[in-house]
Protein backbone atom coordinates (compact mmCIF):
# COMPACT_ATOMS: atom_id res chain seq x y z
CA MET A 1 6.42 20.41 -50.66
CA ILE A 2 3.22 21.09 -48.63
CA LYS A 3 1.71 17.97 -49.18
CA TYR A 4 4.86 16.16 -47.93
CA THR A 5 4.73 18.50 -44.85
CA TRP A 6 1.23 17.58 -44.05
CA LEU A 7 1.94 13.87 -44.83
CA THR A 8 4.95 14.10 -42.00
CA ILE A 9 2.60 15.81 -39.54
CA PHE A 10 0.00 13.12 -40.10
CA LEU A 11 2.28 10.37 -39.62
CA ILE A 12 3.80 12.06 -36.50
CA LEU A 13 0.32 12.50 -35.17
CA LEU A 14 -0.74 8.87 -36.12
CA ASN A 15 2.47 7.46 -34.30
CA THR A 16 1.72 9.60 -31.32
CA ILE A 17 -1.84 8.45 -30.90
CA ALA A 18 -0.67 4.78 -31.45
CA PHE A 19 2.16 5.17 -28.97
CA SER A 20 -0.26 6.76 -26.27
CA GLN A 21 -2.87 4.09 -26.90
CA GLU A 22 -0.33 1.40 -26.44
CA HIS A 23 1.04 2.54 -23.02
CA LYS A 24 -2.33 4.07 -21.88
CA THR A 25 -2.88 3.15 -18.25
CA TYR A 26 -5.70 3.74 -15.71
CA ALA A 27 -5.06 6.16 -12.73
CA ASN A 28 -7.52 4.67 -10.10
CA GLU A 29 -8.39 1.29 -8.81
CA ILE A 30 -10.92 0.03 -6.30
CA GLU A 31 -10.74 -3.46 -4.92
CA LEU A 32 -13.07 -5.45 -2.77
CA ALA A 33 -11.85 -8.72 -1.16
CA THR A 34 -13.14 -11.44 1.05
CA ASP A 35 -11.31 -14.23 2.85
CA ASN A 36 -13.14 -17.26 4.30
CA ASP A 37 -12.52 -21.02 5.28
CA TYR A 38 -15.86 -21.58 3.89
CA PHE A 39 -14.10 -21.42 0.32
CA VAL A 40 -12.50 -24.76 1.18
CA ILE A 41 -15.06 -27.58 0.41
CA TYR A 42 -13.78 -30.09 2.88
CA ASN A 43 -13.77 -27.68 5.55
CA THR A 44 -16.71 -27.86 7.88
CA SER A 45 -15.63 -25.52 10.77
CA ASP A 46 -14.85 -21.98 11.40
CA ARG A 47 -11.22 -21.83 13.11
CA ASN A 48 -8.12 -19.58 13.25
CA TYR A 49 -8.41 -16.86 10.55
CA THR A 50 -12.03 -17.61 9.84
CA TYR A 51 -13.08 -14.59 7.79
CA GLY A 52 -11.97 -11.09 6.38
CA LEU A 53 -13.58 -8.24 4.62
CA SER A 54 -11.61 -5.36 2.83
CA GLY A 55 -12.23 -2.54 0.65
CA MET A 56 -9.13 -0.54 -0.98
CA PHE A 57 -8.65 2.47 -3.22
CA ARG A 58 -5.29 2.94 -5.28
CA TRP A 59 -4.35 5.86 -7.22
CA LYS A 60 -1.34 6.90 -9.16
CA ALA A 61 0.99 9.46 -7.49
CA ASN A 62 1.97 12.91 -8.91
CA GLU A 63 5.50 12.64 -10.42
CA ASN A 64 6.41 15.80 -8.44
CA SER A 65 5.20 14.62 -5.14
CA PHE A 66 7.68 14.71 -2.06
CA LEU A 67 7.28 10.94 -1.56
CA ASN A 68 8.02 10.05 -4.99
CA LYS A 69 11.35 11.88 -4.71
CA LEU A 70 12.38 9.56 -2.07
CA PHE A 71 13.56 7.06 -4.68
CA LYS A 72 14.68 9.04 -7.71
CA ASN A 73 15.17 6.01 -10.13
CA ASN A 74 11.70 4.75 -9.65
CA LEU A 75 9.38 4.08 -12.55
CA GLY A 76 6.40 4.86 -11.01
CA GLN A 77 4.46 5.54 -7.62
CA SER A 78 0.95 4.76 -6.27
CA PHE A 79 -0.81 5.30 -2.94
CA SER A 80 -3.65 3.01 -1.46
CA VAL A 81 -5.89 3.47 1.51
CA GLY A 82 -8.27 0.74 2.79
CA LEU A 83 -10.50 -0.54 5.51
CA ASN A 84 -10.41 -3.99 6.89
CA ILE A 85 -12.17 -6.40 9.56
CA GLU A 86 -10.79 -9.84 10.35
CA ALA A 87 -12.03 -12.42 12.75
CA TYR A 88 -10.18 -15.23 14.46
CA THR A 89 -11.93 -18.07 16.28
CA PRO A 90 -11.26 -21.24 17.97
CA ASN A 91 -12.91 -24.47 16.35
CA TYR A 92 -16.04 -23.80 18.40
CA ARG A 93 -17.99 -26.38 16.25
CA ASN A 94 -15.96 -29.27 17.44
CA ASP A 95 -17.61 -29.98 20.75
CA ASP A 96 -16.30 -33.44 21.02
CA SER A 97 -12.61 -32.25 21.06
CA ASN A 98 -10.47 -33.06 24.21
CA ASP A 99 -8.40 -30.02 25.79
CA ASP A 100 -5.56 -32.53 26.29
CA GLU A 101 -5.44 -33.35 22.54
CA ILE A 102 -5.92 -30.06 20.81
CA ILE A 103 -4.93 -26.57 21.74
CA GLU A 104 -7.49 -23.71 20.45
CA ARG A 105 -6.68 -20.19 20.02
CA PRO A 106 -8.98 -17.44 21.53
CA TYR A 107 -11.55 -15.27 19.77
CA ALA A 108 -10.29 -12.16 18.53
CA GLY A 109 -11.59 -9.31 16.20
CA TRP A 110 -9.18 -6.88 14.33
CA SER A 111 -10.54 -3.87 12.41
CA TYR A 112 -8.23 -1.25 11.01
CA ALA A 113 -7.58 1.35 8.42
CA GLU A 114 -4.43 1.24 6.37
CA PHE A 115 -2.32 3.53 4.13
CA HIS A 116 0.42 2.39 1.56
CA SER A 117 3.08 4.17 -0.60
CA ASN A 118 4.20 2.03 -3.42
CA TYR A 119 7.29 2.19 -5.74
CA ILE A 120 7.99 0.36 -8.84
CA PHE A 121 11.40 -0.44 -10.53
CA GLU A 122 12.69 -2.24 -13.46
CA LYS A 123 12.42 -5.67 -11.98
CA SER A 124 11.08 -4.81 -8.53
CA TYR A 125 8.92 -3.01 -6.18
CA PHE A 126 8.87 -1.68 -2.61
CA ARG A 127 5.88 -1.03 -0.53
CA LEU A 128 5.79 0.93 2.92
CA GLY A 129 2.46 1.36 5.01
CA LEU A 130 0.78 1.92 8.14
CA GLU A 131 -2.04 0.03 10.04
CA VAL A 132 -4.21 1.66 12.37
CA GLY A 133 -7.11 0.05 14.49
CA ILE A 134 -8.79 -1.65 17.20
CA LEU A 135 -8.43 -5.31 18.54
CA GLY A 136 -11.19 -6.74 20.63
CA GLN A 137 -14.98 -6.24 21.10
CA ALA A 138 -14.88 -2.90 19.53
CA SER A 139 -13.87 -4.10 16.38
CA GLN A 140 -17.23 -5.57 15.73
CA ALA A 141 -15.98 -8.72 14.00
CA GLY A 142 -18.04 -11.11 16.42
CA ALA A 143 -21.15 -9.05 15.98
CA PHE A 144 -20.75 -8.99 12.35
CA GLN A 145 -20.15 -12.89 12.19
CA ASN A 146 -23.40 -13.48 14.15
CA TYR A 147 -25.35 -11.09 11.83
CA ILE A 148 -24.16 -13.04 8.81
CA HIS A 149 -24.98 -16.47 10.66
CA GLY A 150 -28.40 -15.27 11.90
CA HIS A 151 -29.79 -13.37 8.82
CA ILE A 152 -27.93 -14.75 5.76
CA THR A 153 -26.30 -18.26 6.11
CA GLY A 154 -28.40 -19.82 8.87
CA ASP A 155 -25.58 -21.01 10.90
CA GLU A 156 -25.64 -21.32 14.80
CA LEU A 157 -24.49 -18.03 16.63
CA VAL A 158 -21.13 -18.04 18.29
CA ASP A 159 -20.43 -16.86 21.69
CA TRP A 160 -17.84 -14.16 21.61
CA SER A 161 -17.96 -13.06 25.09
CA ASP A 162 -14.37 -14.41 26.02
CA GLN A 163 -12.43 -12.75 23.38
CA ILE A 164 -9.15 -10.69 23.50
CA PRO A 165 -9.67 -7.39 25.35
CA ASN A 166 -9.91 -4.09 23.52
CA GLN A 167 -6.72 -2.31 22.72
CA PHE A 168 -5.36 0.09 20.26
CA GLY A 169 -3.21 -1.30 17.40
CA LEU A 170 -0.49 0.14 15.42
CA ASN A 171 1.66 -1.71 12.82
CA VAL A 172 4.28 -0.48 10.26
CA VAL A 173 4.27 -2.93 7.25
CA SER A 174 6.48 -3.15 4.34
CA SER A 175 6.87 -5.56 1.43
CA PHE A 176 9.57 -5.97 -1.36
CA ALA A 177 9.74 -8.15 -4.38
CA HIS A 178 12.46 -8.93 -6.93
CA GLU A 179 12.17 -10.89 -10.35
CA ILE A 180 14.50 -13.82 -10.41
CA TYR A 181 13.78 -15.27 -13.73
CA SER A 182 11.40 -14.55 -16.58
CA VAL A 183 10.68 -16.23 -19.84
CA GLY A 184 7.86 -14.50 -21.32
CA PHE A 185 5.00 -16.97 -20.44
CA MET A 186 6.37 -17.91 -16.95
CA ASP A 187 8.40 -16.18 -14.19
CA THR A 188 9.88 -16.70 -10.63
CA TYR A 189 10.38 -14.00 -7.97
CA ALA A 190 11.26 -13.60 -4.37
CA SER A 191 9.19 -11.27 -2.01
CA VAL A 192 9.54 -10.58 1.59
CA GLU A 193 6.64 -8.96 3.91
CA ALA A 194 7.29 -7.55 7.26
CA SER A 195 5.50 -5.96 10.03
CA LEU A 196 6.59 -4.11 13.23
CA GLY A 197 3.91 -3.21 15.85
CA ASN A 198 1.85 -4.20 18.91
CA ILE A 199 -0.60 -6.35 16.88
CA HIS A 200 1.46 -8.16 14.47
CA THR A 201 5.40 -8.33 14.38
CA TYR A 202 6.66 -10.84 11.64
CA LEU A 203 8.92 -11.57 8.79
CA TRP A 204 7.49 -13.43 5.98
CA PRO A 205 9.83 -14.41 2.81
CA LYS A 206 8.21 -16.21 0.12
CA LEU A 207 9.17 -17.77 -3.31
CA ASN A 208 6.62 -17.32 -6.07
CA PHE A 209 5.91 -19.03 -9.43
CA ARG A 210 3.58 -17.83 -12.12
CA LEU A 211 2.45 -19.63 -15.57
CA GLY A 212 0.55 -17.96 -18.14
CA LYS A 213 0.06 -14.63 -19.97
CA LEU A 214 2.06 -12.23 -17.65
CA ASN A 215 2.84 -8.87 -16.95
CA LYS A 216 6.14 -8.13 -15.03
CA ILE A 217 5.64 -7.91 -11.21
CA ASN A 218 5.98 -4.10 -11.39
CA ALA A 219 2.77 -3.83 -13.69
CA SER A 220 0.76 -7.04 -12.46
CA VAL A 221 -2.48 -7.29 -10.90
CA SER A 222 -1.32 -10.19 -8.73
CA THR A 223 1.29 -7.80 -6.99
CA ASN A 224 -1.30 -4.99 -6.74
CA ASN A 225 0.49 -2.99 -9.48
CA GLY A 226 -2.12 -3.29 -12.18
CA LEU A 227 -2.39 0.48 -12.51
CA PHE A 228 1.00 0.37 -14.29
CA SER A 229 -0.06 -2.21 -16.90
CA ASN A 230 -1.13 -1.85 -20.34
CA ASN A 231 -5.00 -1.39 -20.87
CA ASP A 232 -4.88 -3.83 -23.84
CA HIS A 233 -2.86 -6.23 -22.41
CA ALA A 234 -4.76 -9.16 -20.81
CA GLU A 235 -3.28 -11.19 -18.05
CA TRP A 236 -4.37 -14.67 -17.35
CA PHE A 237 -2.36 -17.09 -15.25
CA ILE A 238 -1.87 -19.62 -12.34
CA ASN A 239 0.40 -19.04 -9.58
CA TYR A 240 1.96 -20.95 -6.53
CA GLY A 241 4.13 -19.80 -3.87
CA ILE A 242 5.72 -21.23 -0.58
CA GLY A 243 6.94 -19.12 2.48
CA PHE A 244 8.17 -19.23 6.00
CA LYS A 245 6.59 -17.05 8.47
CA VAL A 246 8.28 -16.13 11.48
CA ASN A 247 6.00 -14.56 13.95
CA GLY A 248 7.52 -12.25 16.78
CA TYR A 249 4.27 -11.48 18.32
CA ASN A 250 0.67 -12.01 17.52
CA ALA A 251 -1.85 -10.08 19.65
CA THR A 252 -4.83 -12.05 18.18
CA ILE A 253 -3.30 -15.00 20.21
CA GLN A 254 -1.13 -13.48 23.07
CA GLY A 255 -3.33 -10.43 23.91
CA ASN A 256 -1.75 -7.02 24.87
CA ILE A 257 1.83 -6.87 24.45
CA PHE A 258 2.18 -4.16 27.39
CA ASP A 259 0.15 -6.34 29.58
CA THR A 260 0.50 -9.99 31.26
CA ASN A 261 -2.61 -11.24 29.83
CA LEU A 262 -1.22 -13.91 27.64
CA THR A 263 -3.84 -16.28 26.65
CA LYS A 264 -1.71 -19.20 26.01
CA PRO A 265 1.74 -20.25 27.70
CA GLU A 266 4.60 -18.87 25.52
CA THR A 267 5.77 -22.51 25.09
CA GLN A 268 2.74 -23.66 23.24
CA ILE A 269 2.81 -20.94 20.55
CA ASN A 270 4.23 -21.76 17.25
CA HIS A 271 6.40 -18.66 15.99
CA TYR A 272 7.47 -20.55 13.03
CA ILE A 273 4.78 -21.31 10.31
CA PHE A 274 5.06 -22.81 6.90
CA THR A 275 2.79 -21.34 4.41
CA SER A 276 1.95 -21.97 0.79
CA HIS A 277 -0.70 -20.62 -1.71
CA ALA A 278 -2.15 -21.31 -5.17
CA GLY A 279 -4.53 -19.28 -7.31
CA VAL A 280 -5.81 -18.08 -10.85
CA GLN A 281 -5.90 -14.70 -12.01
CA TYR A 282 -7.33 -12.71 -14.79
CA SER A 283 -7.14 -9.15 -15.72
CA PHE A 284 -8.42 -7.06 -18.84
CA LYS A 285 -8.91 -3.36 -19.39
CA ARG A 286 -10.87 -2.23 -16.38
CA PHE A 287 -11.80 -5.49 -14.43
CA ALA A 288 -9.45 -8.23 -12.81
CA ALA A 289 -10.34 -11.19 -10.49
CA ILE A 290 -8.25 -13.15 -8.38
CA PHE A 291 -8.75 -16.34 -6.51
CA SER A 292 -6.35 -18.12 -4.43
CA MET A 293 -6.17 -20.80 -1.65
CA GLN A 294 -3.93 -20.28 1.32
CA PHE A 295 -2.54 -23.37 3.27
CA ASN A 296 -0.72 -22.78 6.65
CA THR A 297 0.82 -24.93 9.58
CA GLY A 298 -0.83 -24.50 12.99
CA GLU A 299 -0.57 -21.69 15.18
CA PHE A 300 0.16 -23.82 18.11
CA ASP A 301 2.48 -26.54 18.32
CA ARG A 302 -0.23 -29.38 18.32
CA THR A 303 -2.86 -27.63 16.10
CA LYS A 304 -4.10 -28.81 12.90
CA ASN A 305 -3.07 -27.16 9.58
CA HIS A 306 -5.35 -24.19 8.33
CA SER A 307 -6.46 -23.25 4.98
CA TYR A 308 -9.12 -20.54 3.59
CA GLY A 309 -9.85 -19.14 0.22
CA SER A 310 -9.57 -15.51 -0.89
CA LEU A 311 -11.70 -13.57 -3.75
CA LYS A 312 -10.75 -10.27 -5.10
CA ILE A 313 -12.46 -8.08 -7.60
CA LEU A 314 -10.90 -5.03 -9.11
CA TYR A 315 -12.09 -2.00 -11.19
CA ARG A 316 -9.87 0.37 -12.73
CA PHE A 317 -10.66 3.98 -14.08
């Protein structure tokens, strides 16, 4: 009788250990990312969104936290904080361009801190956040670009003297995604991003496709939900998406929303931008890497299409 009792206890413990290992996840994640049109091999100019650098820290929320109780049917919640710097420039290398043939955007730098609260559900997730920062010379985007050009790449220095004036920036941002169809090695999901603020106001719906070894979107590195994935379940896949961004206001082009310093006539600004992206992603245990290419139509009615690459490295612990 005793030996059967010990055997039962042993089997229960073995099953508990196996179960905990099978569903073990990490609690924290660090992300470093860079965007740059230098990733586009056929592109020889800095223009439009020319570079971005960011660092992000994510962590799982306590199940008893106040914000976690906002959605009682959620399967998990995480928070994230980050710092970002972004630079926007005209095509300053195109000295032969004719103003009557091409419309160029102004110089603009946008540096900001962000905070997000993220909720996952069976086939979806919802994210709500805040961006707070400075637009203009105080962002140091131009100074940083010239430091890189002068000390690392050897490129020409850029005259940022005529850039969007300094202003405080505040955006409330959100995103939602829901699975449409999944068959194991491939899936399709719809997503929408939105921002409301004095720097960016837009609505950006997208349709996304993934092919490879996948986690659901509520536990995938591709949707910033890698903290909810199984440690031993590697992800590797290609993805593609199309979108249509409706810009209500873009201060990096239009200047201060509370002033009359519009840098370009309203009739020249393209408020409707077609977007698409394609990329490859890999994740296993602590590490993940994501590389993608973004393709957008022009910010003005007569400007060229714009493309840039994005590289993200993630570490979980």
